[in-house]
């Protein structure tokens, strides 16, 4: 997203919805907000269609639990493939 913004001659750090902070690509985050509902919907459909297993998650210090990198990567690829199909 940031590459597209820069290619169009815009400053990815100058946002409208997200506060400008040093090092933050606020406009990139703003642009992703436009896609958030479609991405979330595609991800929820993907999650509902599969059975999650214990090894689909990774545990980190402090009790933090996240999707494993493999499952997260698969989810991301399916979301963006779904968005491409919908013309988003």
PDB file of N, CA and C in Angstrom:
ATOM      1  N   UNK A   1       0.830  -1.181   0.000  1.00  0.00           N
ATOM      2  CA  UNK A   1       0.000   0.000   0.000  1.00  0.00           C
ATOM      3  C   UNK A   1       0.878   1.249   0.000  1.00  0.00           C
ATOM      4  N   UNK A   2       1.910   1.238   0.813  1.00  0.00           N
ATOM      5  CA  UNK A   2       2.800   2.397   0.902  1.00  0.00           C
ATOM      6  C   UNK A   2       3.476   2.662  -0.436  1.00  0.00           C
ATOM      7  N   UNK A   3       3.871   1.612  -1.126  1.00  0.00           N
ATOM      8  CA  UNK A   3       4.502   1.791  -2.445  1.00  0.00           C
ATOM      9  C   UNK A   3       3.560   2.466  -3.429  1.00  0.00           C
ATOM     10  N   UNK A   4       2.306   2.054  -3.419  1.00  0.00           N
ATOM     11  CA  UNK A   4       1.313   2.660  -4.320  1.00  0.00           C
ATOM     12  C   UNK A   4       1.148   4.138  -3.988  1.00  0.00           C
ATOM     13  N   UNK A   5       1.074   4.458  -2.715  1.00  0.00           N
ATOM     14  CA  UNK A   5       0.909   5.851  -2.288  1.00  0.00           C
ATOM     15  C   UNK A   5       2.094   6.694  -2.744  1.00  0.00           C
ATOM     16  N   UNK A   6       3.302   6.180  -2.557  1.00  0.00           N
ATOM     17  CA  UNK A   6       4.502   6.911  -2.982  1.00  0.00           C
ATOM     18  C   UNK A   6       4.539   7.048  -4.492  1.00  0.00           C
ATOM     19  N   UNK A   7       4.187   5.981  -5.216  1.00  0.00           N
ATOM     20  CA  UNK A   7       4.175   6.012  -6.681  1.00  0.00           C
ATOM     21  C   UNK A   7       3.224   7.083  -7.204  1.00  0.00           C
ATOM     22  N   UNK A   8       2.143   7.316  -6.479  1.00  0.00           N
ATOM     23  CA  UNK A   8       1.157   8.333  -6.875  1.00  0.00           C
ATOM     24  C   UNK A   8       1.586   9.741  -6.476  1.00  0.00           C
ATOM     25  N   UNK A   9       2.764   9.854  -5.872  1.00  0.00           N
ATOM     26  CA  UNK A   9       3.281  11.169  -5.511  1.00  0.00           C
ATOM     27  C   UNK A   9       2.765  11.714  -4.192  1.00  0.00           C
ATOM     28  N   UNK A  10       2.198  10.847  -3.371  1.00  0.00           N
ATOM     29  CA  UNK A  10       1.674  11.281  -2.077  1.00  0.00           C
ATOM     30  C   UNK A  10       2.660  10.940  -0.963  1.00  0.00           C
ATOM     31  N   UNK A  11       2.512  11.599   0.154  1.00  0.00           N
ATOM     32  CA  UNK A  11       3.359  11.351   1.315  1.00  0.00           C
ATOM     33  C   UNK A  11       2.653  10.347   2.227  1.00  0.00           C
ATOM     34  N   UNK A  12       3.182   9.129   2.353  1.00  0.00           N
ATOM     35  CA  UNK A  12       2.509   8.107   3.157  1.00  0.00           C
ATOM     36  C   UNK A  12       2.463   8.437   4.648  1.00  0.00           C
ATOM     37  N   UNK A  13       3.243   9.397   5.091  1.00  0.00           N
ATOM     38  CA  UNK A  13       3.261   9.767   6.508  1.00  0.00           C
ATOM     39  C   UNK A  13       2.198  10.810   6.854  1.00  0.00           C
ATOM     40  N   UNK A  14       1.563  11.414   5.850  1.00  0.00           N
ATOM     41  CA  UNK A  14       0.564  12.452   6.086  1.00  0.00           C
ATOM     42  C   UNK A  14      -0.824  11.819   6.057  1.00  0.00           C
ATOM     43  N   UNK A  15      -1.367  11.534   7.235  1.00  0.00           N
ATOM     44  CA  UNK A  15      -2.653  10.856   7.314  1.00  0.00           C
ATOM     45  C   UNK A  15      -3.798  11.788   7.636  1.00  0.00           C
ATOM     46  N   UNK A  16      -4.996  11.269   7.471  1.00  0.00           N
ATOM     47  CA  UNK A  16      -6.211  12.009   7.784  1.00  0.00           C
ATOM     48  C   UNK A  16      -6.924  11.393   8.981  1.00  0.00           C
ATOM     49  N   UNK A  17      -6.987  10.064   9.029  1.00  0.00           N
ATOM     50  CA  UNK A  17      -7.653   9.363  10.120  1.00  0.00           C
ATOM     51  C   UNK A  17      -6.694   9.026  11.259  1.00  0.00           C
ATOM     52  N   UNK A  18      -5.478   8.662  10.906  1.00  0.00           N
ATOM     53  CA  UNK A  18      -4.474   8.293  11.896  1.00  0.00           C
ATOM     54  C   UNK A  18      -3.550   9.479  12.166  1.00  0.00           C
ATOM     55  N   UNK A  19      -3.220   9.672  13.428  1.00  0.00           N
ATOM     56  CA  UNK A  19      -2.362  10.797  13.818  1.00  0.00           C
ATOM     57  C   UNK A  19      -0.978  10.666  13.196  1.00  0.00           C
ATOM     58  N   UNK A  20      -0.440  11.807  12.810  1.00  0.00           N
ATOM     59  CA  UNK A  20       0.916  11.826  12.266  1.00  0.00           C
ATOM     60  C   UNK A  20       1.906  11.687  13.417  1.00  0.00           C
ATOM     61  N   UNK A  21       2.799  10.713  13.291  1.00  0.00           N
ATOM     62  CA  UNK A  21       3.870  10.508  14.265  1.00  0.00           C
ATOM     63  C   UNK A  21       5.126  10.166  13.492  1.00  0.00           C
ATOM     64  N   UNK A  22       6.268  10.541  14.007  1.00  0.00           N
ATOM     65  CA  UNK A  22       7.518  10.209  13.309  1.00  0.00           C
ATOM     66  C   UNK A  22       7.626   8.699  13.048  1.00  0.00           C
ATOM     67  N   UNK A  23       7.896   8.349  11.805  1.00  0.00           N
ATOM     68  CA  UNK A  23       8.062   6.950  11.437  1.00  0.00           C
ATOM     69  C   UNK A  23       6.775   6.206  11.138  1.00  0.00           C
ATOM     70  N   UNK A  24       5.616   6.806  11.359  1.00  0.00           N
ATOM     71  CA  UNK A  24       4.333   6.138  11.108  1.00  0.00           C
ATOM     72  C   UNK A  24       3.844   6.481   9.710  1.00  0.00           C
ATOM     73  N   UNK A  25       3.434   5.495   8.982  1.00  0.00           N
ATOM     74  CA  UNK A  25       2.886   5.679   7.641  1.00  0.00           C
ATOM     75  C   UNK A  25       1.370   5.873   7.759  1.00  0.00           C
ATOM     76  N   UNK A  26       0.975   7.022   8.291  1.00  0.00           N
ATOM     77  CA  UNK A  26      -0.428   7.288   8.615  1.00  0.00           C
ATOM     78  C   UNK A  26      -1.354   7.172   7.417  1.00  0.00           C
ATOM     79  N   UNK A  27      -0.957   7.685   6.261  1.00  0.00           N
ATOM     80  CA  UNK A  27      -1.818   7.595   5.081  1.00  0.00           C
ATOM     81  C   UNK A  27      -1.964   6.144   4.628  1.00  0.00           C
ATOM     82  N   UNK A  28      -0.928   5.356   4.779  1.00  0.00           N
ATOM     83  CA  UNK A  28      -1.015   3.928   4.453  1.00  0.00           C
ATOM     84  C   UNK A  28      -2.045   3.248   5.347  1.00  0.00           C
ATOM     85  N   UNK A  29      -2.014   3.575   6.633  1.00  0.00           N
ATOM     86  CA  UNK A  29      -3.005   3.016   7.555  1.00  0.00           C
ATOM     87  C   UNK A  29      -4.410   3.500   7.197  1.00  0.00           C
ATOM     88  N   UNK A  30      -4.528   4.766   6.822  1.00  0.00           N
ATOM     89  CA  UNK A  30      -5.829   5.304   6.414  1.00  0.00           C
ATOM     90  C   UNK A  30      -6.389   4.526   5.229  1.00  0.00           C
ATOM     91  N   UNK A  31      -5.535   4.254   4.242  1.00  0.00           N
ATOM     92  CA  UNK A  31      -5.976   3.534   3.045  1.00  0.00           C
ATOM     93  C   UNK A  31      -6.416   2.115   3.393  1.00  0.00           C
ATOM     94  N   UNK A  32      -5.725   1.481   4.312  1.00  0.00           N
ATOM     95  CA  UNK A  32      -6.105   0.125   4.714  1.00  0.00           C
ATOM     96  C   UNK A  32      -7.454   0.099   5.426  1.00  0.00           C
ATOM     97  N   UNK A  33      -7.822   1.191   6.080  1.00  0.00           N
ATOM     98  CA  UNK A  33      -9.130   1.257   6.731  1.00  0.00           C
ATOM     99  C   UNK A  33     -10.259   1.068   5.715  1.00  0.00           C
ATOM    100  N   UNK A  34     -10.042   1.537   4.490  1.00  0.00           N
ATOM    101  CA  UNK A  34     -11.056   1.387   3.446  1.00  0.00           C
ATOM    102  C   UNK A  34     -11.269  -0.074   3.083  1.00  0.00           C
ATOM    103  N   UNK A  35     -10.251  -0.888   3.273  1.00  0.00           N
ATOM    104  CA  UNK A  35     -10.327  -2.311   2.940  1.00  0.00           C
ATOM    105  C   UNK A  35     -10.657  -3.185   4.144  1.00  0.00           C
ATOM    106  N   UNK A  36     -10.642  -2.607   5.324  1.00  0.00           N
ATOM    107  CA  UNK A  36     -10.756  -3.399   6.549  1.00  0.00           C
ATOM    108  C   UNK A  36     -11.987  -4.309   6.584  1.00  0.00           C
ATOM    109  N   UNK A  37     -13.156  -3.818   6.251  1.00  0.00           N
ATOM    110  CA  UNK A  37     -14.361  -4.649   6.353  1.00  0.00           C
ATOM    111  C   UNK A  37     -14.317  -5.816   5.373  1.00  0.00           C
ATOM    112  N   UNK A  38     -13.840  -5.574   4.159  1.00  0.00           N
ATOM    113  CA  UNK A  38     -13.741  -6.666   3.187  1.00  0.00           C
ATOM    114  C   UNK A  38     -12.708  -7.696   3.632  1.00  0.00           C
ATOM    115  N   UNK A  39     -11.575  -7.224   4.147  1.00  0.00           N
ATOM    116  CA  UNK A  39     -10.539  -8.142   4.621  1.00  0.00           C
ATOM    117  C   UNK A  39     -11.024  -8.943   5.822  1.00  0.00           C
ATOM    118  N   UNK A  40     -11.702  -8.282   6.737  1.00  0.00           N
ATOM    119  CA  UNK A  40     -12.206  -8.968   7.923  1.00  0.00           C
ATOM    120  C   UNK A  40     -13.256 -10.000   7.538  1.00  0.00           C
ATOM    121  N   UNK A  41     -14.155  -9.639   6.618  1.00  0.00           N
ATOM    122  CA  UNK A  41     -15.182 -10.577   6.166  1.00  0.00           C
ATOM    123  C   UNK A  41     -14.587 -11.805   5.509  1.00  0.00           C
ATOM    124  N   UNK A  42     -13.608 -11.598   4.642  1.00  0.00           N
ATOM    125  CA  UNK A  42     -12.954 -12.726   3.969  1.00  0.00           C
ATOM    126  C   UNK A  42     -12.231 -13.598   4.982  1.00  0.00           C
ATOM    127  N   UNK A  43     -11.593 -12.972   5.960  1.00  0.00           N
ATOM    128  CA  UNK A  43     -10.869 -13.726   6.979  1.00  0.00           C
ATOM    129  C   UNK A  43     -11.831 -14.519   7.858  1.00  0.00           C
ATOM    130  N   UNK A  44     -12.952 -13.938   8.220  1.00  0.00           N
ATOM    131  CA  UNK A  44     -13.929 -14.646   9.048  1.00  0.00           C
ATOM    132  C   UNK A  44     -14.521 -15.840   8.303  1.00  0.00           C
ATOM    133  N   UNK A  45     -14.786 -15.691   7.012  1.00  0.00           N
ATOM    134  CA  UNK A  45     -15.282 -16.818   6.215  1.00  0.00           C
ATOM    135  C   UNK A  45     -14.254 -17.935   6.177  1.00  0.00           C
ATOM    136  N   UNK A  46     -13.000 -17.571   6.009  1.00  0.00           N
ATOM    137  CA  UNK A  46     -11.925 -18.562   5.968  1.00  0.00           C
ATOM    138  C   UNK A  46     -11.821 -19.284   7.308  1.00  0.00           C
ATOM    139  N   UNK A  47     -11.892 -18.528   8.409  1.00  0.00           N
ATOM    140  CA  UNK A  47     -11.785 -19.137   9.736  1.00  0.00           C
ATOM    141  C   UNK A  47     -12.974 -20.047  10.031  1.00  0.00           C
ATOM    142  N   UNK A  48     -14.167 -19.661   9.594  1.00  0.00           N
ATOM    143  CA  UNK A  48     -15.361 -20.466   9.848  1.00  0.00           C
ATOM    144  C   UNK A  48     -15.338 -21.774   9.064  1.00  0.00           C
ATOM    145  N   UNK A  49     -14.627 -21.796   7.954  1.00  0.00           N
ATOM    146  CA  UNK A  49     -14.601 -22.976   7.091  1.00  0.00           C
ATOM    147  C   UNK A  49     -13.551 -24.002   7.519  1.00  0.00           C
ATOM    148  N   UNK A  50     -12.747 -23.683   8.510  1.00  0.00           N
ATOM    149  CA  UNK A  50     -11.701 -24.621   8.933  1.00  0.00           C
ATOM    150  C   UNK A  50     -11.806 -24.897  10.427  1.00  0.00           C
ATOM    151  N   UNK A  51     -11.224 -25.998  10.829  1.00  0.00           N
ATOM    152  CA  UNK A  51     -11.154 -26.340  12.239  1.00  0.00           C
ATOM    153  C   UNK A  51      -9.763 -25.976  12.739  1.00  0.00           C
ATOM    154  N   UNK A  52      -9.716 -25.107  13.710  1.00  0.00           N
ATOM    155  CA  UNK A  52      -8.425 -24.697  14.260  1.00  0.00           C
ATOM    156  C   UNK A  52      -7.900 -25.763  15.216  1.00  0.00           C
ATOM    157  N   UNK A  53      -6.594 -26.000  15.133  1.00  0.00           N
ATOM    158  CA  UNK A  53      -5.926 -26.970  15.992  1.00  0.00           C
ATOM    159  C   UNK A  53      -4.954 -26.234  16.913  1.00  0.00           C
ATOM    160  N   UNK A  54      -4.519 -26.913  17.937  1.00  0.00           N
ATOM    161  CA  UNK A  54      -3.591 -26.304  18.889  1.00  0.00           C
ATOM    162  C   UNK A  54      -2.322 -25.824  18.196  1.00  0.00           C
ATOM    163  N   UNK A  55      -1.825 -26.576  17.218  1.00  0.00           N
ATOM    164  CA  UNK A  55      -0.584 -26.180  16.547  1.00  0.00           C
ATOM    165  C   UNK A  55      -0.781 -25.046  15.540  1.00  0.00           C
ATOM    166  N   UNK A  56      -2.012 -24.550  15.399  1.00  0.00           N
ATOM    167  CA  UNK A  56      -2.266 -23.374  14.561  1.00  0.00           C
ATOM    168  C   UNK A  56      -1.917 -22.079  15.305  1.00  0.00           C
ATOM    169  N   UNK A  57      -1.534 -22.213  16.568  1.00  0.00           N
ATOM    170  CA  UNK A  57      -1.233 -21.057  17.401  1.00  0.00           C
ATOM    171  C   UNK A  57       0.197 -21.124  17.924  1.00  0.00           C
ATOM    172  N   UNK A  58       0.759 -19.963  18.184  1.00  0.00           N
ATOM    173  CA  UNK A  58       2.092 -19.861  18.778  1.00  0.00           C
ATOM    174  C   UNK A  58       1.959 -19.091  20.088  1.00  0.00           C
ATOM    175  N   UNK A  59       2.657 -19.547  21.112  1.00  0.00           N
ATOM    176  CA  UNK A  59       2.626 -18.907  22.426  1.00  0.00           C
ATOM    177  C   UNK A  59       3.952 -18.196  22.665  1.00  0.00           C
ATOM    178  N   UNK A  60       3.864 -16.989  23.194  1.00  0.00           N
ATOM    179  CA  UNK A  60       5.045 -16.170  23.447  1.00  0.00           C
ATOM    180  C   UNK A  60       5.129 -15.813  24.927  1.00  0.00           C
ATOM    181  N   UNK A  61       6.268 -15.276  25.338  1.00  0.00           N
ATOM    182  CA  UNK A  61       6.454 -14.847  26.726  1.00  0.00           C
ATOM    183  C   UNK A  61       5.351 -13.883  27.132  1.00  0.00           C
ATOM    184  N   UNK A  62       4.949 -13.965  28.369  1.00  0.00           N
ATOM    185  CA  UNK A  62       3.912 -13.080  28.882  1.00  0.00           C
ATOM    186  C   UNK A  62       2.513 -13.590  28.598  1.00  0.00           C
ATOM    187  N   UNK A  63       2.388 -14.832  28.115  1.00  0.00           N
ATOM    188  CA  UNK A  63       1.078 -15.409  27.846  1.00  0.00           C
ATOM    189  C   UNK A  63       0.431 -14.944  26.553  1.00  0.00           C
ATOM    190  N   UNK A  64       1.204 -14.370  25.662  1.00  0.00           N
ATOM    191  CA  UNK A  64       0.676 -13.892  24.383  1.00  0.00           C
ATOM    192  C   UNK A  64       0.479 -15.078  23.445  1.00  0.00           C
ATOM    193  N   UNK A  65      -0.711 -15.190  22.858  1.00  0.00           N
ATOM    194  CA  UNK A  65      -1.027 -16.264  21.918  1.00  0.00           C
ATOM    195  C   UNK A  65      -1.438 -15.634  20.596  1.00  0.00           C
ATOM    196  N   UNK A  66      -0.806 -16.086  19.523  1.00  0.00           N
ATOM    197  CA  UNK A  66      -1.112 -15.569  18.181  1.00  0.00           C
ATOM    198  C   UNK A  66      -1.225 -16.728  17.212  1.00  0.00           C
ATOM    199  N   UNK A  67      -1.799 -16.438  16.047  1.00  0.00           N
ATOM    200  CA  UNK A  67      -1.803 -17.448  14.992  1.00  0.00           C
ATOM    201  C   UNK A  67      -0.363 -17.776  14.627  1.00  0.00           C
ATOM    202  N   UNK A  68      -0.115 -19.022  14.286  1.00  0.00           N
ATOM    203  CA  UNK A  68       1.228 -19.383  13.836  1.00  0.00           C
ATOM    204  C   UNK A  68       1.526 -18.622  12.549  1.00  0.00           C
ATOM    205  N   UNK A  69       2.793 -18.449  12.244  1.00  0.00           N
ATOM    206  CA  UNK A  69       3.163 -17.690  11.049  1.00  0.00           C
ATOM    207  C   UNK A  69       2.607 -18.348   9.791  1.00  0.00           C
ATOM    208  N   UNK A  70       2.551 -19.671   9.758  1.00  0.00           N
ATOM    209  CA  UNK A  70       2.012 -20.379   8.587  1.00  0.00           C
ATOM    210  C   UNK A  70       0.522 -20.100   8.405  1.00  0.00           C
ATOM    211  N   UNK A  71      -0.243 -20.177   9.486  1.00  0.00           N
ATOM    212  CA  UNK A  71      -1.689 -19.929   9.414  1.00  0.00           C
ATOM    213  C   UNK A  71      -1.958 -18.461   9.094  1.00  0.00           C
ATOM    214  N   UNK A  72      -1.208 -17.555   9.702  1.00  0.00           N
ATOM    215  CA  UNK A  72      -1.378 -16.125   9.425  1.00  0.00           C
ATOM    216  C   UNK A  72      -1.074 -15.820   7.961  1.00  0.00           C
ATOM    217  N   UNK A  73      -0.030 -16.431   7.424  1.00  0.00           N
ATOM    218  CA  UNK A  73       0.338 -16.222   6.017  1.00  0.00           C
ATOM    219  C   UNK A  73      -0.768 -16.741   5.093  1.00  0.00           C
ATOM    220  N   UNK A  74      -1.303 -17.917   5.402  1.00  0.00           N
ATOM    221  CA  UNK A  74      -2.382 -18.490   4.598  1.00  0.00           C
ATOM    222  C   UNK A  74      -3.618 -17.597   4.645  1.00  0.00           C
ATOM    223  N   UNK A  75      -3.942 -17.096   5.826  1.00  0.00           N
ATOM    224  CA  UNK A  75      -5.081 -16.196   5.985  1.00  0.00           C
ATOM    225  C   UNK A  75      -4.901 -14.928   5.155  1.00  0.00           C
ATOM    226  N   UNK A  76      -3.712 -14.356   5.230  1.00  0.00           N
ATOM    227  CA  UNK A  76      -3.421 -13.129   4.481  1.00  0.00           C
ATOM    228  C   UNK A  76      -3.539 -13.367   2.978  1.00  0.00           C
ATOM    229  N   UNK A  77      -2.986 -14.459   2.498  1.00  0.00           N
ATOM    230  CA  UNK A  77      -3.044 -14.752   1.065  1.00  0.00           C
ATOM    231  C   UNK A  77      -4.477 -14.940   0.602  1.00  0.00           C
ATOM    232  N   UNK A  78      -5.288 -15.622   1.388  1.00  0.00           N
ATOM    233  CA  UNK A  78      -6.691 -15.838   1.020  1.00  0.00           C
ATOM    234  C   UNK A  78      -7.489 -14.535   1.042  1.00  0.00           C
ATOM    235  N   UNK A  79      -7.217 -13.681   2.018  1.00  0.00           N
ATOM    236  CA  UNK A  79      -7.921 -12.392   2.089  1.00  0.00           C
ATOM    237  C   UNK A  79      -7.630 -11.545   0.864  1.00  0.00           C
ATOM    238  N   UNK A  80      -6.354 -11.435   0.504  1.00  0.00           N
ATOM    239  CA  UNK A  80      -6.005 -10.603  -0.637  1.00  0.00           C
ATOM    240  C   UNK A  80      -6.457 -11.221  -1.945  1.00  0.00           C
ATOM    241  N   UNK A  81      -6.490 -12.551  -2.035  1.00  0.00           N
ATOM    242  CA  UNK A  81      -7.013 -13.203  -3.233  1.00  0.00           C
ATOM    243  C   UNK A  81      -8.506 -12.929  -3.341  1.00  0.00           C
ATOM    244  N   UNK A  82      -9.209 -12.963  -2.220  1.00  0.00           N
ATOM    245  CA  UNK A  82     -10.639 -12.683  -2.194  1.00  0.00           C
ATOM    246  C   UNK A  82     -10.916 -11.244  -2.599  1.00  0.00           C
ATOM    247  N   UNK A  83     -10.113 -10.307  -2.111  1.00  0.00           N
ATOM    248  CA  UNK A  83     -10.301  -8.901  -2.457  1.00  0.00           C
ATOM    249  C   UNK A  83     -10.049  -8.657  -3.931  1.00  0.00           C
ATOM    250  N   UNK A  84      -9.065  -9.334  -4.489  1.00  0.00           N
ATOM    251  CA  UNK A  84      -8.777  -9.181  -5.911  1.00  0.00           C
ATOM    252  C   UNK A  84      -9.957  -9.670  -6.734  1.00  0.00           C
ATOM    253  N   UNK A  85     -10.558 -10.782  -6.309  1.00  0.00           N
ATOM    254  CA  UNK A  85     -11.717 -11.324  -7.017  1.00  0.00           C
ATOM    255  C   UNK A  85     -12.901 -10.366  -6.965  1.00  0.00           C
ATOM    256  N   UNK A  86     -13.014  -9.609  -5.871  1.00  0.00           N
ATOM    257  CA  UNK A  86     -14.135  -8.689  -5.709  1.00  0.00           C
ATOM    258  C   UNK A  86     -13.850  -7.317  -6.302  1.00  0.00           C
ATOM    259  N   UNK A  87     -12.666  -7.137  -6.861  1.00  0.00           N
ATOM    260  CA  UNK A  87     -12.332  -5.859  -7.468  1.00  0.00           C
ATOM    261  C   UNK A  87     -11.986  -4.783  -6.470  1.00  0.00           C
ATOM    262  N   UNK A  88     -11.573  -5.184  -5.285  1.00  0.00           N
ATOM    263  CA  UNK A  88     -11.224  -4.204  -4.249  1.00  0.00           C
ATOM    264  C   UNK A  88      -9.776  -3.829  -4.384  1.00  0.00           C
TER     265      UNK A  88
END
